[in-house]
Amino acid sequence: MARGGMPNMGGRNMNQMMKQMQKLQKQMEQMQEDLNKQEVEATVGGGVVTAKVNGQKELLSISIEEDVVDPEDIETLEDLIVAAVNEAMRKAEEKATGEMSKLTGGLNLPGMF
């Protein structure tokens, strides 16, 4: 390796690369901010339970159809709630991953999302 740094990395090329990285970082920050504002819904049980989460993967709301509430069968309702929340979280993650791949051209950058 050449003395003082990486081979073929002249000052101008390095400056260009740094500017591109800064631009990408700003785009990623803006994308994350936009994703955090978005809401994702998932419905399970034929539409009887709906969960809504935001891009920060915070549960915003649960909607339960009245006819699914059976005091004799709380376990089924609990299972439906868990399934709806998990599906909404999965969709939020999928959306974030899809948006990230648009910016990175499919590169897998660990720890980004």
PDB file of N, CA and C in Angstrom:
ATOM      1  N   MET A   1       0.850  -1.168   0.000  1.00  0.00           N
ATOM      2  CA  MET A   1       0.000   0.000   0.000  1.00  0.00           C
ATOM      3  C   MET A   1       0.894   1.229   0.000  1.00  0.00           C
ATOM      4  N   ALA A   2       0.418   2.245  -0.670  1.00  0.00           N
ATOM      5  CA  ALA A   2       1.189   3.471  -0.762  1.00  0.00           C
ATOM      6  C   ALA A   2       1.278   4.137   0.603  1.00  0.00           C
ATOM      7  N   ARG A   3       2.327   4.828   0.790  1.00  0.00           N
ATOM      8  CA  ARG A   3       2.555   5.492   2.060  1.00  0.00           C
ATOM      9  C   ARG A   3       1.547   6.634   2.259  1.00  0.00           C
ATOM     10  N   GLY A   4       1.013   6.725   3.482  1.00  0.00           N
ATOM     11  CA  GLY A   4       0.137   7.842   3.788  1.00  0.00           C
ATOM     12  C   GLY A   4      -1.314   7.621   3.429  1.00  0.00           C
ATOM     13  N   GLY A   5      -1.716   6.427   3.117  1.00  0.00           N
ATOM     14  CA  GLY A   5      -3.150   6.243   2.855  1.00  0.00           C
ATOM     15  C   GLY A   5      -3.418   5.140   1.865  1.00  0.00           C
ATOM     16  N   MET A   6      -4.615   5.158   1.354  1.00  0.00           N
ATOM     17  CA  MET A   6      -5.049   4.109   0.434  1.00  0.00           C
ATOM     18  C   MET A   6      -4.555   4.440  -0.968  1.00  0.00           C
ATOM     19  N   PRO A   7      -4.258   3.427  -1.748  1.00  0.00           N
ATOM     20  CA  PRO A   7      -3.794   3.667  -3.116  1.00  0.00           C
ATOM     21  C   PRO A   7      -4.916   4.280  -3.954  1.00  0.00           C
ATOM     22  N   ASN A   8      -4.517   5.122  -4.901  1.00  0.00           N
ATOM     23  CA  ASN A   8      -5.447   5.738  -5.854  1.00  0.00           C
ATOM     24  C   ASN A   8      -6.553   6.543  -5.175  1.00  0.00           C
ATOM     25  N   MET A   9      -6.293   7.092  -4.037  1.00  0.00           N
ATOM     26  CA  MET A   9      -7.298   7.897  -3.347  1.00  0.00           C
ATOM     27  C   MET A   9      -6.773   9.323  -3.226  1.00  0.00           C
ATOM     28  N   GLY A  10      -6.735  10.022  -4.332  1.00  0.00           N
ATOM     29  CA  GLY A  10      -6.274  11.396  -4.336  1.00  0.00           C
ATOM     30  C   GLY A  10      -7.192  12.275  -3.530  1.00  0.00           C
ATOM     31  N   GLY A  11      -6.749  13.464  -3.194  1.00  0.00           N
ATOM     32  CA  GLY A  11      -7.523  14.375  -2.372  1.00  0.00           C
ATOM     33  C   GLY A  11      -8.880  14.706  -2.968  1.00  0.00           C
ATOM     34  N   ARG A  12      -8.930  14.928  -4.285  1.00  0.00           N
ATOM     35  CA  ARG A  12     -10.176  15.296  -4.939  1.00  0.00           C
ATOM     36  C   ARG A  12     -11.183  14.143  -4.858  1.00  0.00           C
ATOM     37  N   ASN A  13     -10.723  12.925  -5.122  1.00  0.00           N
ATOM     38  CA  ASN A  13     -11.608  11.763  -5.057  1.00  0.00           C
ATOM     39  C   ASN A  13     -12.132  11.554  -3.641  1.00  0.00           C
ATOM     40  N   MET A  14     -11.287  11.752  -2.670  1.00  0.00           N
ATOM     41  CA  MET A  14     -11.688  11.579  -1.276  1.00  0.00           C
ATOM     42  C   MET A  14     -12.724  12.635  -0.900  1.00  0.00           C
ATOM     43  N   ASN A  15     -12.507  13.871  -1.338  1.00  0.00           N
ATOM     44  CA  ASN A  15     -13.476  14.937  -1.057  1.00  0.00           C
ATOM     45  C   ASN A  15     -14.828  14.631  -1.693  1.00  0.00           C
ATOM     46  N   GLN A  16     -14.813  14.140  -2.931  1.00  0.00           N
ATOM     47  CA  GLN A  16     -16.055  13.771  -3.600  1.00  0.00           C
ATOM     48  C   GLN A  16     -16.769  12.660  -2.841  1.00  0.00           C
ATOM     49  N   MET A  17     -16.011  11.664  -2.426  1.00  0.00           N
ATOM     50  CA  MET A  17     -16.593  10.554  -1.696  1.00  0.00           C
ATOM     51  C   MET A  17     -17.185  11.035  -0.372  1.00  0.00           C
ATOM     52  N   MET A  18     -16.505  11.923   0.320  1.00  0.00           N
ATOM     53  CA  MET A  18     -17.009  12.446   1.586  1.00  0.00           C
ATOM     54  C   MET A  18     -18.298  13.246   1.356  1.00  0.00           C
ATOM     55  N   LYS A  19     -18.351  14.031   0.281  1.00  0.00           N
ATOM     56  CA  LYS A  19     -19.561  14.790  -0.031  1.00  0.00           C
ATOM     57  C   LYS A  19     -20.716  13.841  -0.337  1.00  0.00           C
ATOM     58  N   GLN A  20     -20.446  12.778  -1.055  1.00  0.00           N
ATOM     59  CA  GLN A  20     -21.485  11.798  -1.370  1.00  0.00           C
ATOM     60  C   GLN A  20     -21.981  11.111  -0.105  1.00  0.00           C
ATOM     61  N   MET A  21     -21.070  10.791   0.799  1.00  0.00           N
ATOM     62  CA  MET A  21     -21.464  10.146   2.058  1.00  0.00           C
ATOM     63  C   MET A  21     -22.305  11.096   2.910  1.00  0.00           C
ATOM     64  N   GLN A  22     -21.945  12.371   2.944  1.00  0.00           N
ATOM     65  CA  GLN A  22     -22.725  13.352   3.696  1.00  0.00           C
ATOM     66  C   GLN A  22     -24.117  13.512   3.098  1.00  0.00           C
ATOM     67  N   LYS A  23     -24.187  13.513   1.770  1.00  0.00           N
ATOM     68  CA  LYS A  23     -25.479  13.609   1.095  1.00  0.00           C
ATOM     69  C   LYS A  23     -26.330  12.386   1.413  1.00  0.00           C
ATOM     70  N   LEU A  24     -25.737  11.205   1.360  1.00  0.00           N
ATOM     71  CA  LEU A  24     -26.454   9.977   1.678  1.00  0.00           C
ATOM     72  C   LEU A  24     -26.930   9.990   3.125  1.00  0.00           C
ATOM     73  N   GLN A  25     -26.091  10.464   4.028  1.00  0.00           N
ATOM     74  CA  GLN A  25     -26.470  10.536   5.440  1.00  0.00           C
ATOM     75  C   GLN A  25     -27.669  11.459   5.633  1.00  0.00           C
ATOM     76  N   LYS A  26     -27.686  12.601   4.972  1.00  0.00           N
ATOM     77  CA  LYS A  26     -28.819  13.523   5.083  1.00  0.00           C
ATOM     78  C   LYS A  26     -30.080  12.892   4.512  1.00  0.00           C
ATOM     79  N   GLN A  27     -29.938  12.194   3.384  1.00  0.00           N
ATOM     80  CA  GLN A  27     -31.095  11.523   2.790  1.00  0.00           C
ATOM     81  C   GLN A  27     -31.633  10.448   3.729  1.00  0.00           C
ATOM     82  N   MET A  28     -30.741   9.710   4.364  1.00  0.00           N
ATOM     83  CA  MET A  28     -31.156   8.658   5.286  1.00  0.00           C
ATOM     84  C   MET A  28     -31.849   9.248   6.512  1.00  0.00           C
ATOM     85  N   GLU A  29     -31.339  10.356   7.029  1.00  0.00           N
ATOM     86  CA  GLU A  29     -31.972  11.008   8.171  1.00  0.00           C
ATOM     87  C   GLU A  29     -33.372  11.497   7.804  1.00  0.00           C
ATOM     88  N   GLN A  30     -33.517  12.079   6.614  1.00  0.00           N
ATOM     89  CA  GLN A  30     -34.822  12.554   6.164  1.00  0.00           C
ATOM     90  C   GLN A  30     -35.780  11.379   5.972  1.00  0.00           C
ATOM     91  N   MET A  31     -35.277  10.292   5.394  1.00  0.00           N
ATOM     92  CA  MET A  31     -36.101   9.114   5.187  1.00  0.00           C
ATOM     93  C   MET A  31     -36.571   8.550   6.525  1.00  0.00           C
ATOM     94  N   GLN A  32     -35.689   8.492   7.512  1.00  0.00           N
ATOM     95  CA  GLN A  32     -36.048   7.981   8.831  1.00  0.00           C
ATOM     96  C   GLN A  32     -37.107   8.878   9.472  1.00  0.00           C
ATOM     97  N   GLU A  33     -36.947  10.174   9.331  1.00  0.00           N
ATOM     98  CA  GLU A  33     -37.928  11.107   9.875  1.00  0.00           C
ATOM     99  C   GLU A  33     -39.294  10.894   9.210  1.00  0.00           C
ATOM    100  N   ASP A  34     -39.295  10.720   7.898  1.00  0.00           N
ATOM    101  CA  ASP A  34     -40.540  10.474   7.172  1.00  0.00           C
ATOM    102  C   ASP A  34     -41.174   9.150   7.591  1.00  0.00           C
ATOM    103  N   LEU A  35     -40.354   8.113   7.719  1.00  0.00           N
ATOM    104  CA  LEU A  35     -40.871   6.807   8.133  1.00  0.00           C
ATOM    105  C   LEU A  35     -41.467   6.872   9.542  1.00  0.00           C
ATOM    106  N   ASN A  36     -40.833   7.612  10.430  1.00  0.00           N
ATOM    107  CA  ASN A  36     -41.321   7.719  11.802  1.00  0.00           C
ATOM    108  C   ASN A  36     -42.713   8.331  11.862  1.00  0.00           C
ATOM    109  N   LYS A  37     -43.050   9.170  10.893  1.00  0.00           N
ATOM    110  CA  LYS A  37     -44.354   9.820  10.859  1.00  0.00           C
ATOM    111  C   LYS A  37     -45.431   8.928  10.237  1.00  0.00           C
ATOM    112  N   GLN A  38     -45.020   7.905   9.495  1.00  0.00           N
ATOM    113  CA  GLN A  38     -45.979   7.056   8.807  1.00  0.00           C
ATOM    114  C   GLN A  38     -46.615   6.060   9.768  1.00  0.00           C
ATOM    115  N   GLU A  39     -47.829   5.665   9.417  1.00  0.00           N
ATOM    116  CA  GLU A  39     -48.542   4.674  10.208  1.00  0.00           C
ATOM    117  C   GLU A  39     -48.792   3.443   9.349  1.00  0.00           C
ATOM    118  N   VAL A  40     -48.690   2.276   9.980  1.00  0.00           N
ATOM    119  CA  VAL A  40     -48.894   1.007   9.293  1.00  0.00           C
ATOM    120  C   VAL A  40     -49.960   0.233  10.054  1.00  0.00           C
ATOM    121  N   GLU A  41     -50.909  -0.343   9.310  1.00  0.00           N
ATOM    122  CA  GLU A  41     -51.984  -1.115   9.920  1.00  0.00           C
ATOM    123  C   GLU A  41     -51.902  -2.563   9.506  1.00  0.00           C
ATOM    124  N   ALA A  42     -52.348  -3.433  10.391  1.00  0.00           N
ATOM    125  CA  ALA A  42     -52.490  -4.854  10.070  1.00  0.00           C
ATOM    126  C   ALA A  42     -53.787  -5.332  10.696  1.00  0.00           C
ATOM    127  N   THR A  43     -54.518  -6.125   9.924  1.00  0.00           N
ATOM    128  CA  THR A  43     -55.792  -6.655  10.380  1.00  0.00           C
ATOM    129  C   THR A  43     -55.726  -8.173  10.346  1.00  0.00           C
ATOM    130  N   VAL A  44     -56.257  -8.819  11.381  1.00  0.00           N
ATOM    131  CA  VAL A  44     -56.258 -10.287  11.468  1.00  0.00           C
ATOM    132  C   VAL A  44     -57.657 -10.777  11.833  1.00  0.00           C
ATOM    133  N   GLY A  45     -57.824 -12.083  11.752  1.00  0.00           N
ATOM    134  CA  GLY A  45     -59.091 -12.697  12.146  1.00  0.00           C
ATOM    135  C   GLY A  45     -60.249 -12.279  11.261  1.00  0.00           C
ATOM    136  N   GLY A  46     -59.960 -12.080   9.975  1.00  0.00           N
ATOM    137  CA  GLY A  46     -61.020 -11.664   9.068  1.00  0.00           C
ATOM    138  C   GLY A  46     -61.489 -10.241   9.309  1.00  0.00           C
ATOM    139  N   GLY A  47     -60.648  -9.428   9.884  1.00  0.00           N
ATOM    140  CA  GLY A  47     -60.970  -8.021  10.093  1.00  0.00           C
ATOM    141  C   GLY A  47     -61.477  -7.684  11.486  1.00  0.00           C
ATOM    142  N   VAL A  48     -61.415  -8.637  12.413  1.00  0.00           N
ATOM    143  CA  VAL A  48     -61.963  -8.373  13.747  1.00  0.00           C
ATOM    144  C   VAL A  48     -60.997  -7.635  14.664  1.00  0.00           C
ATOM    145  N   VAL A  49     -59.704  -7.720  14.411  1.00  0.00           N
ATOM    146  CA  VAL A  49     -58.717  -7.000  15.220  1.00  0.00           C
ATOM    147  C   VAL A  49     -57.753  -6.284  14.279  1.00  0.00           C
ATOM    148  N   THR A  50     -57.569  -4.986  14.529  1.00  0.00           N
ATOM    149  CA  THR A  50     -56.651  -4.181  13.730  1.00  0.00           C
ATOM    150  C   THR A  50     -55.680  -3.485  14.666  1.00  0.00           C
ATOM    151  N   ALA A  51     -54.394  -3.549  14.324  1.00  0.00           N
ATOM    152  CA  ALA A  51     -53.355  -2.853  15.090  1.00  0.00           C
ATOM    153  C   ALA A  51     -52.732  -1.805  14.182  1.00  0.00           C
ATOM    154  N   LYS A  52     -52.414  -0.662  14.765  1.00  0.00           N
ATOM    155  CA  LYS A  52     -51.761   0.417  14.021  1.00  0.00           C
ATOM    156  C   LYS A  52     -50.484   0.787  14.761  1.00  0.00           C
ATOM    157  N   VAL A  53     -49.359   0.816  14.023  1.00  0.00           N
ATOM    158  CA  VAL A  53     -48.067   1.215  14.587  1.00  0.00           C
ATOM    159  C   VAL A  53     -47.488   2.333  13.736  1.00  0.00           C
ATOM    160  N   ASN A  54     -46.518   3.052  14.303  1.00  0.00           N
ATOM    161  CA  ASN A  54     -45.828   4.068  13.522  1.00  0.00           C
ATOM    162  C   ASN A  54     -44.463   3.536  13.095  1.00  0.00           C
ATOM    163  N   GLY A  55     -43.730   4.370  12.382  1.00  0.00           N
ATOM    164  CA  GLY A  55     -42.424   3.963  11.886  1.00  0.00           C
ATOM    165  C   GLY A  55     -41.389   3.750  12.968  1.00  0.00           C
ATOM    166  N   GLN A  56     -41.678   4.206  14.178  1.00  0.00           N
ATOM    167  CA  GLN A  56     -40.783   3.967  15.302  1.00  0.00           C
ATOM    168  C   GLN A  56     -41.153   2.669  16.010  1.00  0.00           C
ATOM    169  N   LYS A  57     -42.100   1.948  15.406  1.00  0.00           N
ATOM    170  CA  LYS A  57     -42.582   0.663  15.924  1.00  0.00           C
ATOM    171  C   LYS A  57     -43.215   0.816  17.298  1.00  0.00           C
ATOM    172  N   GLU A  58     -43.958   1.906  17.450  1.00  0.00           N
ATOM    173  CA  GLU A  58     -44.742   2.127  18.650  1.00  0.00           C
ATOM    174  C   GLU A  58     -46.190   1.802  18.319  1.00  0.00           C
ATOM    175  N   LEU A  59     -46.842   1.070  19.190  1.00  0.00           N
ATOM    176  CA  LEU A  59     -48.242   0.732  18.998  1.00  0.00           C
ATOM    177  C   LEU A  59     -49.079   1.988  19.224  1.00  0.00           C
ATOM    178  N   LEU A  60     -49.854   2.370  18.208  1.00  0.00           N
ATOM    179  CA  LEU A  60     -50.676   3.570  18.293  1.00  0.00           C
ATOM    180  C   LEU A  60     -52.110   3.257  18.714  1.00  0.00           C
ATOM    181  N   SER A  61     -52.650   2.155  18.170  1.00  0.00           N
ATOM    182  CA  SER A  61     -54.028   1.823  18.517  1.00  0.00           C
ATOM    183  C   SER A  61     -54.330   0.364  18.210  1.00  0.00           C
ATOM    184  N   ILE A  62     -55.357  -0.115  18.885  1.00  0.00           N
ATOM    185  CA  ILE A  62     -55.924  -1.443  18.656  1.00  0.00           C
ATOM    186  C   ILE A  62     -57.421  -1.235  18.451  1.00  0.00           C
ATOM    187  N   SER A  63     -57.954  -1.844  17.416  1.00  0.00           N
ATOM    188  CA  SER A  63     -59.386  -1.787  17.162  1.00  0.00           C
ATOM    189  C   SER A  63     -59.919  -3.222  17.197  1.00  0.00           C
ATOM    190  N   ILE A  64     -60.969  -3.427  17.979  1.00  0.00           N
ATOM    191  CA  ILE A  64     -61.536  -4.770  18.148  1.00  0.00           C
ATOM    192  C   ILE A  64     -63.028  -4.705  17.837  1.00  0.00           C
ATOM    193  N   GLU A  65     -63.467  -5.563  16.936  1.00  0.00           N
ATOM    194  CA  GLU A  65     -64.896  -5.656  16.633  1.00  0.00           C
ATOM    195  C   GLU A  65     -65.628  -6.206  17.854  1.00  0.00           C
ATOM    196  N   GLU A  66     -66.754  -5.628  18.146  1.00  0.00           N
ATOM    197  CA  GLU A  66     -67.500  -5.979  19.348  1.00  0.00           C
ATOM    198  C   GLU A  66     -67.883  -7.457  19.406  1.00  0.00           C
ATOM    199  N   ASP A  67     -68.231  -8.035  18.260  1.00  0.00           N
ATOM    200  CA  ASP A  67     -68.707  -9.420  18.274  1.00  0.00           C
ATOM    201  C   ASP A  67     -67.615 -10.451  18.569  1.00  0.00           C
ATOM    202  N   VAL A  68     -66.340 -10.051  18.559  1.00  0.00           N
ATOM    203  CA  VAL A  68     -65.258 -10.984  18.872  1.00  0.00           C
ATOM    204  C   VAL A  68     -64.989 -11.049  20.374  1.00  0.00           C
ATOM    205  N   VAL A  69     -65.545 -10.110  21.121  1.00  0.00           N
ATOM    206  CA  VAL A  69     -65.330 -10.082  22.564  1.00  0.00           C
ATOM    207  C   VAL A  69     -66.268 -11.093  23.226  1.00  0.00           C
ATOM    208  N   ASP A  70     -65.669 -12.189  23.664  1.00  0.00           N
ATOM    209  CA  ASP A  70     -66.417 -13.264  24.329  1.00  0.00           C
ATOM    210  C   ASP A  70     -65.768 -13.512  25.681  1.00  0.00           C
ATOM    211  N   PRO A  71     -66.451 -13.154  26.775  1.00  0.00           N
ATOM    212  CA  PRO A  71     -65.857 -13.329  28.104  1.00  0.00           C
ATOM    213  C   PRO A  71     -65.461 -14.777  28.404  1.00  0.00           C
ATOM    214  N   GLU A  72     -66.050 -15.705  27.682  1.00  0.00           N
ATOM    215  CA  GLU A  72     -65.728 -17.121  27.894  1.00  0.00           C
ATOM    216  C   GLU A  72     -64.486 -17.556  27.118  1.00  0.00           C
ATOM    217  N   ASP A  73     -64.000 -16.692  26.207  1.00  0.00           N
ATOM    218  CA  ASP A  73     -62.870 -17.073  25.356  1.00  0.00           C
ATOM    219  C   ASP A  73     -61.900 -15.901  25.197  1.00  0.00           C
ATOM    220  N   ILE A  74     -61.339 -15.457  26.291  1.00  0.00           N
ATOM    221  CA  ILE A  74     -60.385 -14.350  26.297  1.00  0.00           C
ATOM    222  C   ILE A  74     -59.097 -14.731  25.553  1.00  0.00           C
ATOM    223  N   GLU A  75     -58.707 -15.998  25.621  1.00  0.00           N
ATOM    224  CA  GLU A  75     -57.457 -16.437  24.984  1.00  0.00           C
ATOM    225  C   GLU A  75     -57.454 -16.180  23.484  1.00  0.00           C
ATOM    226  N   THR A  76     -58.565 -16.412  22.822  1.00  0.00           N
ATOM    227  CA  THR A  76     -58.622 -16.167  21.379  1.00  0.00           C
ATOM    228  C   THR A  76     -58.431 -14.692  21.082  1.00  0.00           C
ATOM    229  N   LEU A  77     -59.076 -13.849  21.843  1.00  0.00           N
ATOM    230  CA  LEU A  77     -58.919 -12.404  21.657  1.00  0.00           C
ATOM    231  C   LEU A  77     -57.471 -11.978  21.902  1.00  0.00           C
ATOM    232  N   GLU A  78     -56.870 -12.491  22.935  1.00  0.00           N
ATOM    233  CA  GLU A  78     -55.463 -12.178  23.213  1.00  0.00           C
ATOM    234  C   GLU A  78     -54.568 -12.615  22.060  1.00  0.00           C
ATOM    235  N   ASP A  79     -54.814 -13.803  21.525  1.00  0.00           N
ATOM    236  CA  ASP A  79     -54.021 -14.299  20.388  1.00  0.00           C
ATOM    237  C   ASP A  79     -54.193 -13.405  19.169  1.00  0.00           C
ATOM    238  N   LEU A  80     -55.411 -12.954  18.913  1.00  0.00           N
ATOM    239  CA  LEU A  80     -55.666 -12.072  17.775  1.00  0.00           C
ATOM    240  C   LEU A  80     -54.946 -10.734  17.937  1.00  0.00           C
ATOM    241  N   ILE A  81     -54.943 -10.212  19.142  1.00  0.00           N
ATOM    242  CA  ILE A  81     -54.252  -8.940  19.397  1.00  0.00           C
ATOM    243  C   ILE A  81     -52.753  -9.088  19.161  1.00  0.00           C
ATOM    244  N   VAL A  82     -52.172 -10.147  19.697  1.00  0.00           N
ATOM    245  CA  VAL A  82     -50.740 -10.384  19.509  1.00  0.00           C
ATOM    246  C   VAL A  82     -50.419 -10.535  18.022  1.00  0.00           C
ATOM    247  N   ALA A  83     -51.244 -11.284  17.298  1.00  0.00           N
ATOM    248  CA  ALA A  83     -51.007 -11.492  15.866  1.00  0.00           C
ATOM    249  C   ALA A  83     -51.099 -10.178  15.093  1.00  0.00           C
ATOM    250  N   ALA A  84     -52.076  -9.351  15.421  1.00  0.00           N
ATOM    251  CA  ALA A  84     -52.233  -8.073  14.724  1.00  0.00           C
ATOM    252  C   ALA A  84     -51.048  -7.145  14.988  1.00  0.00           C
ATOM    253  N   VAL A  85     -50.614  -7.068  16.237  1.00  0.00           N
ATOM    254  CA  VAL A  85     -49.475  -6.204  16.579  1.00  0.00           C
ATOM    255  C   VAL A  85     -48.212  -6.706  15.893  1.00  0.00           C
ATOM    256  N   ASN A  86     -47.966  -8.007  15.943  1.00  0.00           N
ATOM    257  CA  ASN A  86     -46.769  -8.557  15.298  1.00  0.00           C
ATOM    258  C   ASN A  86     -46.777  -8.314  13.792  1.00  0.00           C
ATOM    259  N   GLU A  87     -47.927  -8.462  13.162  1.00  0.00           N
ATOM    260  CA  GLU A  87     -48.021  -8.239  11.720  1.00  0.00           C
ATOM    261  C   GLU A  87     -47.802  -6.764  11.388  1.00  0.00           C
ATOM    262  N   ALA A  88     -48.346  -5.859  12.181  1.00  0.00           N
ATOM    263  CA  ALA A  88     -48.128  -4.428  11.946  1.00  0.00           C
ATOM    264  C   ALA A  88     -46.653  -4.074  12.109  1.00  0.00           C
ATOM    265  N   MET A  89     -46.011  -4.641  13.114  1.00  0.00           N
ATOM    266  CA  MET A  89     -44.573  -4.401  13.320  1.00  0.00           C
ATOM    267  C   MET A  89     -43.757  -4.942  12.147  1.00  0.00           C
ATOM    268  N   ARG A  90     -44.128  -6.116  11.660  1.00  0.00           N
ATOM    269  CA  ARG A  90     -43.437  -6.708  10.516  1.00  0.00           C
ATOM    270  C   ARG A  90     -43.578  -5.808   9.293  1.00  0.00           C
ATOM    271  N   LYS A  91     -44.781  -5.295   9.064  1.00  0.00           N
ATOM    272  CA  LYS A  91     -45.008  -4.411   7.920  1.00  0.00           C
ATOM    273  C   LYS A  91     -44.202  -3.118   8.048  1.00  0.00           C
ATOM    274  N   ALA A  92     -44.121  -2.572   9.249  1.00  0.00           N
ATOM    275  CA  ALA A  92     -43.336  -1.350   9.462  1.00  0.00           C
ATOM    276  C   ALA A  92     -41.858  -1.613   9.171  1.00  0.00           C
ATOM    277  N   GLU A  93     -41.348  -2.745   9.628  1.00  0.00           N
ATOM    278  CA  GLU A  93     -39.954  -3.113   9.369  1.00  0.00           C
ATOM    279  C   GLU A  93     -39.710  -3.305   7.878  1.00  0.00           C
ATOM    280  N   GLU A  94     -40.640  -3.974   7.212  1.00  0.00           N
ATOM    281  CA  GLU A  94     -40.537  -4.227   5.778  1.00  0.00           C
ATOM    282  C   GLU A  94     -40.519  -2.911   5.005  1.00  0.00           C
ATOM    283  N   LYS A  95     -41.353  -1.985   5.418  1.00  0.00           N
ATOM    284  CA  LYS A  95     -41.407  -0.679   4.767  1.00  0.00           C
ATOM    285  C   LYS A  95     -40.083   0.068   4.948  1.00  0.00           C
ATOM    286  N   ALA A  96     -39.548   0.059   6.144  1.00  0.00           N
ATOM    287  CA  ALA A  96     -38.273   0.738   6.422  1.00  0.00           C
ATOM    288  C   ALA A  96     -37.139   0.104   5.616  1.00  0.00           C
ATOM    289  N   THR A  97     -37.115  -1.214   5.554  1.00  0.00           N
ATOM    290  CA  THR A  97     -36.080  -1.915   4.801  1.00  0.00           C
ATOM    291  C   THR A  97     -36.177  -1.589   3.314  1.00  0.00           C
ATOM    292  N   GLY A  98     -37.395  -1.542   2.798  1.00  0.00           N
ATOM    293  CA  GLY A  98     -37.600  -1.204   1.391  1.00  0.00           C
ATOM    294  C   GLY A  98     -37.142   0.194   1.063  1.00  0.00           C
ATOM    295  N   GLU A  99     -37.453   1.138   1.936  1.00  0.00           N
ATOM    296  CA  GLU A  99     -37.030   2.517   1.717  1.00  0.00           C
ATOM    297  C   GLU A  99     -35.508   2.638   1.799  1.00  0.00           C
ATOM    298  N   MET A 100     -34.917   1.936   2.742  1.00  0.00           N
ATOM    299  CA  MET A 100     -33.458   1.974   2.893  1.00  0.00           C
ATOM    300  C   MET A 100     -32.778   1.417   1.647  1.00  0.00           C
ATOM    301  N   SER A 101     -33.299   0.339   1.100  1.00  0.00           N
ATOM    302  CA  SER A 101     -32.649  -0.261  -0.069  1.00  0.00           C
ATOM    303  C   SER A 101     -32.728   0.661  -1.279  1.00  0.00           C
ATOM    304  N   LYS A 102     -33.730   1.535  -1.329  1.00  0.00           N
ATOM    305  CA  LYS A 102     -33.799   2.524  -2.416  1.00  0.00           C
ATOM    306  C   LYS A 102     -32.614   3.482  -2.339  1.00  0.00           C
ATOM    307  N   LEU A 103     -32.236   3.862  -1.114  1.00  0.00           N
ATOM    308  CA  LEU A 103     -31.123   4.794  -0.934  1.00  0.00           C
ATOM    309  C   LEU A 103     -29.776   4.125  -1.122  1.00  0.00           C
ATOM    310  N   THR A 104     -29.643   2.913  -0.626  1.00  0.00           N
ATOM    311  CA  THR A 104     -28.335   2.261  -0.611  1.00  0.00           C
ATOM    312  C   THR A 104     -28.102   1.372  -1.820  1.00  0.00           C
ATOM    313  N   GLY A 105     -29.082   1.282  -2.697  1.00  0.00           N
ATOM    314  CA  GLY A 105     -28.923   0.439  -3.876  1.00  0.00           C
ATOM    315  C   GLY A 105     -28.822  -1.031  -3.517  1.00  0.00           C
ATOM    316  N   GLY A 106     -29.439  -1.431  -2.416  1.00  0.00           N
ATOM    317  CA  GLY A 106     -29.439  -2.828  -2.007  1.00  0.00           C
ATOM    318  C   GLY A 106     -28.278  -3.231  -1.123  1.00  0.00           C
ATOM    319  N   LEU A 107     -27.370  -2.295  -0.834  1.00  0.00           N
ATOM    320  CA  LEU A 107     -26.274  -2.617   0.069  1.00  0.00           C
ATOM    321  C   LEU A 107     -26.825  -2.867   1.461  1.00  0.00           C
ATOM    322  N   ASN A 108     -26.323  -3.860   2.135  1.00  0.00           N
ATOM    323  CA  ASN A 108     -26.757  -4.150   3.502  1.00  0.00           C
ATOM    324  C   ASN A 108     -25.838  -3.425   4.455  1.00  0.00           C
ATOM    325  N   LEU A 109     -26.346  -2.343   5.063  1.00  0.00           N
ATOM    326  CA  LEU A 109     -25.542  -1.573   6.007  1.00  0.00           C
ATOM    327  C   LEU A 109     -26.006  -1.916   7.407  1.00  0.00           C
ATOM    328  N   PRO A 110     -25.256  -2.713   8.134  1.00  0.00           N
ATOM    329  CA  PRO A 110     -25.676  -3.155   9.451  1.00  0.00           C
ATOM    330  C   PRO A 110     -25.965  -1.996  10.390  1.00  0.00           C
ATOM    331  N   GLY A 111     -27.002  -2.174  11.196  1.00  0.00           N
ATOM    332  CA  GLY A 111     -27.322  -1.191  12.220  1.00  0.00           C
ATOM    333  C   GLY A 111     -28.105  -0.003  11.730  1.00  0.00           C
ATOM    334  N   MET A 112     -28.447   0.046  10.457  1.00  0.00           N
ATOM    335  CA  MET A 112     -29.167   1.202   9.953  1.00  0.00           C
ATOM    336  C   MET A 112     -30.659   1.111  10.251  1.00  0.00           C
ATOM    337  N   PHE A 113     -31.249  -0.087  10.149  1.00  0.00           N
ATOM    338  CA  PHE A 113     -32.677  -0.251  10.428  1.00  0.00           C
ATOM    339  C   PHE A 113     -32.928  -1.625  10.921  1.00  0.00           C
TER     340      PHE A 113
END
